[in-house]
PDB file of all heavy atoms in Angstrom:
ATOM      1  N   ALA A   1      68.321 123.819 120.276  1.00  0.00           N
ATOM      2  CA  ALA A   1      68.648 122.688 119.586  1.00  0.00           C
ATOM      3  C   ALA A   1      70.175 122.739 119.385  1.00  0.00           C
ATOM      4  O   ALA A   1      70.765 123.834 119.456  1.00  0.00           O
ATOM      5  CB  ALA A   1      68.043 122.545 118.252  1.00  0.00           C
ATOM      6  N   ALA A   2      70.860 121.667 119.124  1.00  0.00           N
ATOM      7  CA  ALA A   2      72.294 121.617 118.884  1.00  0.00           C
ATOM      8  C   ALA A   2      72.565 122.281 117.545  1.00  0.00           C
ATOM      9  O   ALA A   2      71.730 122.206 116.611  1.00  0.00           O
ATOM     10  CB  ALA A   2      72.741 120.093 118.772  1.00  0.00           C
ATOM     11  N   PRO A   3      73.730 123.010 117.481  1.00  0.00           N
ATOM     12  CA  PRO A   3      74.056 123.630 116.173  1.00  0.00           C
ATOM     13  C   PRO A   3      74.179 122.617 115.101  1.00  0.00           C
ATOM     14  O   PRO A   3      74.520 121.456 115.304  1.00  0.00           O
ATOM     15  CB  PRO A   3      75.463 124.286 116.551  1.00  0.00           C
ATOM     16  CG  PRO A   3      75.588 124.236 118.052  1.00  0.00           C
ATOM     17  CD  PRO A   3      74.677 123.138 118.565  1.00  0.00           C
ATOM     18  N   ALA A   4      73.828 123.146 113.849  1.00  0.00           N
ATOM     19  CA  ALA A   4      73.849 122.199 112.732  1.00  0.00           C
ATOM     20  C   ALA A   4      75.196 121.671 112.496  1.00  0.00           C
ATOM     21  O   ALA A   4      75.440 120.584 112.076  1.00  0.00           O
ATOM     22  CB  ALA A   4      73.354 122.997 111.490  1.00  0.00           C
ATOM     23  N   SER A   5      76.205 122.488 112.777  1.00  0.00           N
ATOM     24  CA  SER A   5      77.648 122.035 112.625  1.00  0.00           C
ATOM     25  C   SER A   5      78.039 120.857 113.435  1.00  0.00           C
ATOM     26  O   SER A   5      78.978 120.203 113.181  1.00  0.00           O
ATOM     27  CB  SER A   5      78.584 123.218 112.775  1.00  0.00           C
ATOM     28  OG  SER A   5      78.511 123.681 114.083  1.00  0.00           O
ATOM     29  N   ALA A   6      77.247 120.680 114.542  1.00  0.00           N
ATOM     30  CA  ALA A   6      77.585 119.506 115.489  1.00  0.00           C
ATOM     31  C   ALA A   6      77.128 118.216 114.920  1.00  0.00           C
ATOM     32  O   ALA A   6      77.557 117.186 115.437  1.00  0.00           O
ATOM     33  CB  ALA A   6      76.927 119.757 116.865  1.00  0.00           C
ATOM     34  N   VAL A   7      76.340 118.255 113.899  1.00  0.00           N
ATOM     35  CA  VAL A   7      75.872 116.984 113.297  1.00  0.00           C
ATOM     36  C   VAL A   7      76.693 116.680 112.083  1.00  0.00           C
ATOM     37  O   VAL A   7      76.683 117.376 111.078  1.00  0.00           O
ATOM     38  CB  VAL A   7      74.398 117.083 112.880  1.00  0.00           C
ATOM     39  CG1 VAL A   7      73.922 115.781 112.179  1.00  0.00           C
ATOM     40  CG2 VAL A   7      73.488 117.430 114.081  1.00  0.00           C
ATOM     41  N   PRO A   8      77.502 115.674 112.122  1.00  0.00           N
ATOM     42  CA  PRO A   8      78.431 115.414 110.930  1.00  0.00           C
ATOM     43  C   PRO A   8      77.633 115.079 109.717  1.00  0.00           C
ATOM     44  O   PRO A   8      76.656 114.399 109.654  1.00  0.00           O
ATOM     45  CB  PRO A   8      79.298 114.229 111.473  1.00  0.00           C
ATOM     46  CG  PRO A   8      78.474 113.506 112.455  1.00  0.00           C
ATOM     47  CD  PRO A   8      77.682 114.720 113.197  1.00  0.00           C
ATOM     48  N   ALA A   9      78.214 115.672 108.589  1.00  0.00           N
ATOM     49  CA  ALA A   9      77.581 115.271 107.284  1.00  0.00           C
ATOM     50  C   ALA A   9      77.832 113.860 106.910  1.00  0.00           C
ATOM     51  O   ALA A   9      78.843 113.237 107.275  1.00  0.00           O
ATOM     52  CB  ALA A   9      78.047 116.241 106.192  1.00  0.00           C
ATOM     53  N   PRO A  10      76.951 113.222 106.172  1.00  0.00           N
ATOM     54  CA  PRO A  10      77.181 111.805 105.786  1.00  0.00           C
ATOM     55  C   PRO A  10      78.430 111.792 104.879  1.00  0.00           C
ATOM     56  O   PRO A  10      78.783 112.682 104.176  1.00  0.00           O
ATOM     57  CB  PRO A  10      75.880 111.529 104.922  1.00  0.00           C
ATOM     58  CG  PRO A  10      74.874 112.471 105.377  1.00  0.00           C
ATOM     59  CD  PRO A  10      75.671 113.755 105.704  1.00  0.00           C
ATOM     60  N   VAL A  11      79.129 110.670 105.026  1.00  0.00           N
ATOM     61  CA  VAL A  11      80.447 110.462 104.292  1.00  0.00           C
ATOM     62  C   VAL A  11      80.009 109.864 103.011  1.00  0.00           C
ATOM     63  O   VAL A  11      79.397 108.749 102.882  1.00  0.00           O
ATOM     64  CB  VAL A  11      81.320 109.541 105.075  1.00  0.00           C
ATOM     65  CG1 VAL A  11      82.647 109.239 104.198  1.00  0.00           C
ATOM     66  CG2 VAL A  11      81.789 110.120 106.429  1.00  0.00           C
ATOM     67  N   PRO A  12      80.429 110.608 101.819  1.00  0.00           N
ATOM     68  CA  PRO A  12      80.114 109.936 100.505  1.00  0.00           C
ATOM     69  C   PRO A  12      80.738 108.581 100.370  1.00  0.00           C
ATOM     70  O   PRO A  12      81.844 108.321 100.864  1.00  0.00           O
ATOM     71  CB  PRO A  12      80.688 110.972  99.512  1.00  0.00           C
ATOM     72  CG  PRO A  12      80.770 112.247 100.351  1.00  0.00           C
ATOM     73  CD  PRO A  12      81.033 111.808 101.769  1.00  0.00           C
ATOM     74  N   PRO A  13      80.102 107.683  99.675  1.00  0.00           N
ATOM     75  CA  PRO A  13      80.590 106.316  99.460  1.00  0.00           C
ATOM     76  C   PRO A  13      82.012 106.273  98.836  1.00  0.00           C
ATOM     77  O   PRO A  13      82.870 105.482  99.199  1.00  0.00           O
ATOM     78  CB  PRO A  13      79.585 105.616  98.553  1.00  0.00           C
ATOM     79  CG  PRO A  13      78.363 106.346  98.840  1.00  0.00           C
ATOM     80  CD  PRO A  13      78.680 107.782  99.073  1.00  0.00           C
ATOM     81  N   ALA A  14      82.310 107.210  97.974  1.00  0.00           N
ATOM     82  CA  ALA A  14      83.642 107.263  97.306  1.00  0.00           C
ATOM     83  C   ALA A  14      84.692 107.554  98.394  1.00  0.00           C
ATOM     84  O   ALA A  14      85.758 107.011  98.343  1.00  0.00           O
ATOM     85  CB  ALA A  14      83.717 108.304  96.206  1.00  0.00           C
ATOM     86  N   ASP A  15      84.443 108.491  99.321  1.00  0.00           N
ATOM     87  CA  ASP A  15      85.425 108.850 100.333  1.00  0.00           C
ATOM     88  C   ASP A  15      85.567 107.694 101.319  1.00  0.00           C
ATOM     89  O   ASP A  15      86.673 107.397 101.797  1.00  0.00           O
ATOM     90  CB  ASP A  15      84.966 110.067 101.118  1.00  0.00           C
ATOM     91  CG  ASP A  15      85.070 111.374 100.338  1.00  0.00           C
ATOM     92  OD1 ASP A  15      85.275 111.304  99.098  1.00  0.00           O
ATOM     93  OD2 ASP A  15      84.755 112.428 100.925  1.00  0.00           O
ATOM     94  N   GLN A  16      84.432 107.002 101.655  1.00  0.00           N
ATOM     95  CA  GLN A  16      84.622 105.824 102.551  1.00  0.00           C
ATOM     96  C   GLN A  16      85.486 104.755 101.920  1.00  0.00           C
ATOM     97  O   GLN A  16      86.288 104.086 102.555  1.00  0.00           O
ATOM     98  CB  GLN A  16      83.202 105.288 102.925  1.00  0.00           C
ATOM     99  CG  GLN A  16      83.242 104.147 104.026  1.00  0.00           C
ATOM    100  CD  GLN A  16      83.801 104.674 105.320  1.00  0.00           C
ATOM    101  OE1 GLN A  16      83.156 105.553 105.957  1.00  0.00           O
ATOM    102  NE2 GLN A  16      84.881 104.112 105.759  1.00  0.00           N
ATOM    103  N   SER A  17      85.191 104.470 100.564  1.00  0.00           N
ATOM    104  CA  SER A  17      85.899 103.444  99.894  1.00  0.00           C
ATOM    105  C   SER A  17      87.466 103.796  99.862  1.00  0.00           C
ATOM    106  O   SER A  17      88.277 102.945 100.023  1.00  0.00           O
ATOM    107  CB  SER A  17      85.355 103.263  98.487  1.00  0.00           C
ATOM    108  OG  SER A  17      84.074 102.755  98.509  1.00  0.00           O
ATOM    109  N   ALA A  18      87.692 105.127  99.587  1.00  0.00           N
ATOM    110  CA  ALA A  18      89.107 105.520  99.574  1.00  0.00           C
ATOM    111  C   ALA A  18      89.851 105.341 100.931  1.00  0.00           C
ATOM    112  O   ALA A  18      90.963 104.873 100.983  1.00  0.00           O
ATOM    113  CB  ALA A  18      89.169 107.006  99.154  1.00  0.00           C
ATOM    114  N   ALA A  19      89.111 105.669 101.929  1.00  0.00           N
ATOM    115  CA  ALA A  19      89.686 105.477 103.328  1.00  0.00           C
ATOM    116  C   ALA A  19      89.920 103.946 103.540  1.00  0.00           C
ATOM    117  O   ALA A  19      90.983 103.655 104.186  1.00  0.00           O
ATOM    118  CB  ALA A  19      88.837 106.092 104.386  1.00  0.00           C
ATOM    119  N   ASN A  20      88.976 103.138 103.213  1.00  0.00           N
ATOM    120  CA  ASN A  20      89.126 101.726 103.470  1.00  0.00           C
ATOM    121  C   ASN A  20      90.299 101.161 102.679  1.00  0.00           C
ATOM    122  O   ASN A  20      90.987 100.279 103.096  1.00  0.00           O
ATOM    123  CB  ASN A  20      87.843 100.970 103.140  1.00  0.00           C
ATOM    124  CG  ASN A  20      86.662 101.367 104.115  1.00  0.00           C
ATOM    125  OD1 ASN A  20      86.862 101.974 105.076  1.00  0.00           O
ATOM    126  ND2 ASN A  20      85.474 100.971 103.694  1.00  0.00           N
ATOM    127  N   ALA A  21      90.416 101.603 101.353  1.00  0.00           N
ATOM    128  CA  ALA A  21      91.503 101.093 100.549  1.00  0.00           C
ATOM    129  C   ALA A  21      92.815 101.545 101.086  1.00  0.00           C
ATOM    130  O   ALA A  21      93.837 100.758 101.075  1.00  0.00           O
ATOM    131  CB  ALA A  21      91.374 101.746  99.109  1.00  0.00           C
ATOM    132  N   CYS A  22      92.904 102.688 101.659  1.00  0.00           N
ATOM    133  CA  CYS A  22      94.208 103.157 102.345  1.00  0.00           C
ATOM    134  C   CYS A  22      94.504 102.230 103.535  1.00  0.00           C
ATOM    135  O   CYS A  22      95.661 101.834 103.759  1.00  0.00           O
ATOM    136  CB  CYS A  22      94.114 104.603 102.750  1.00  0.00           C
ATOM    137  SG  CYS A  22      95.477 105.170 103.811  1.00  0.00           S
ATOM    138  N   GLU A  23      93.477 101.947 104.322  1.00  0.00           N
ATOM    139  CA  GLU A  23      93.591 101.069 105.455  1.00  0.00           C
ATOM    140  C   GLU A  23      94.253  99.775 105.064  1.00  0.00           C
ATOM    141  O   GLU A  23      95.106  99.144 105.685  1.00  0.00           O
ATOM    142  CB  GLU A  23      92.325 100.940 106.168  1.00  0.00           C
ATOM    143  CG  GLU A  23      92.299 100.058 107.384  1.00  0.00           C
ATOM    144  CD  GLU A  23      92.746 100.715 108.683  1.00  0.00           C
ATOM    145  OE1 GLU A  23      93.074 101.936 108.738  1.00  0.00           O
ATOM    146  OE2 GLU A  23      92.796 100.056 109.698  1.00  0.00           O
ATOM    147  N   GLN A  24      93.597  99.193 104.016  1.00  0.00           N
ATOM    148  CA  GLN A  24      94.099  97.822 103.594  1.00  0.00           C
ATOM    149  C   GLN A  24      95.437  97.885 102.998  1.00  0.00           C
ATOM    150  O   GLN A  24      96.295  96.926 103.249  1.00  0.00           O
ATOM    151  CB  GLN A  24      93.116  97.248 102.581  1.00  0.00           C
ATOM    152  CG  GLN A  24      93.374  95.798 102.240  1.00  0.00           C
ATOM    153  CD  GLN A  24      93.184  95.409 100.845  1.00  0.00           C
ATOM    154  OE1 GLN A  24      93.409  96.233  99.907  1.00  0.00           O
ATOM    155  NE2 GLN A  24      92.728  94.161 100.635  1.00  0.00           N
ATOM    156  N   ALA A  25      95.823  99.021 102.322  1.00  0.00           N
ATOM    157  CA  ALA A  25      97.190  99.171 101.718  1.00  0.00           C
ATOM    158  C   ALA A  25      98.180  99.171 102.806  1.00  0.00           C
ATOM    159  O   ALA A  25      99.298  98.553 102.698  1.00  0.00           O
ATOM    160  CB  ALA A  25      97.144 100.452 100.903  1.00  0.00           C
ATOM    161  N   LYS A  26      97.932  99.795 103.998  1.00  0.00           N
ATOM    162  CA  LYS A  26      98.849  99.803 105.063  1.00  0.00           C
ATOM    163  C   LYS A  26      98.962  98.471 105.672  1.00  0.00           C
ATOM    164  O   LYS A  26     100.116  98.108 106.127  1.00  0.00           O
ATOM    165  CB  LYS A  26      98.392 100.913 106.076  1.00  0.00           C
ATOM    166  CG  LYS A  26      98.568 102.235 105.551  1.00  0.00           C
ATOM    167  CD  LYS A  26      98.208 103.300 106.579  1.00  0.00           C
ATOM    168  CE  LYS A  26      98.479 104.722 106.066  1.00  0.00           C
ATOM    169  NZ  LYS A  26      98.193 105.798 107.069  1.00  0.00           N
ATOM    170  N   GLN A  27      97.935  97.695 105.791  1.00  0.00           N
ATOM    171  CA  GLN A  27      98.038  96.373 106.237  1.00  0.00           C
ATOM    172  C   GLN A  27      98.935  95.480 105.358  1.00  0.00           C
ATOM    173  O   GLN A  27      99.764  94.698 105.861  1.00  0.00           O
ATOM    174  CB  GLN A  27      96.662  95.693 106.316  1.00  0.00           C
ATOM    175  CG  GLN A  27      95.720  96.320 107.404  1.00  0.00           C
ATOM    176  CD  GLN A  27      94.333  95.775 107.265  1.00  0.00           C
ATOM    177  OE1 GLN A  27      93.940  95.130 106.342  1.00  0.00           O
ATOM    178  NE2 GLN A  27      93.433  96.060 108.304  1.00  0.00           N
ATOM    179  N   GLN A  28      98.818  95.670 104.083  1.00  0.00           N
ATOM    180  CA  GLN A  28      99.691  94.991 103.129  1.00  0.00           C
ATOM    181  C   GLN A  28     101.079  95.359 103.190  1.00  0.00           C
ATOM    182  O   GLN A  28     102.006  94.489 103.041  1.00  0.00           O
ATOM    183  CB  GLN A  28      99.144  95.182 101.674  1.00  0.00           C
ATOM    184  CG  GLN A  28      97.795  94.542 101.446  1.00  0.00           C
ATOM    185  CD  GLN A  28      97.300  94.737  99.982  1.00  0.00           C
ATOM    186  OE1 GLN A  28      97.763  95.664  99.300  1.00  0.00           O
ATOM    187  NE2 GLN A  28      96.317  93.999  99.635  1.00  0.00           N
TER     188      GLN A  28
END
């Protein structure tokens, strides 16, 4: 089987929201 490390862990909603907020800030 593929190594466990090859399967990315789910991204917590807070981290995804932070990344999206940064993306929008750069657009602004």
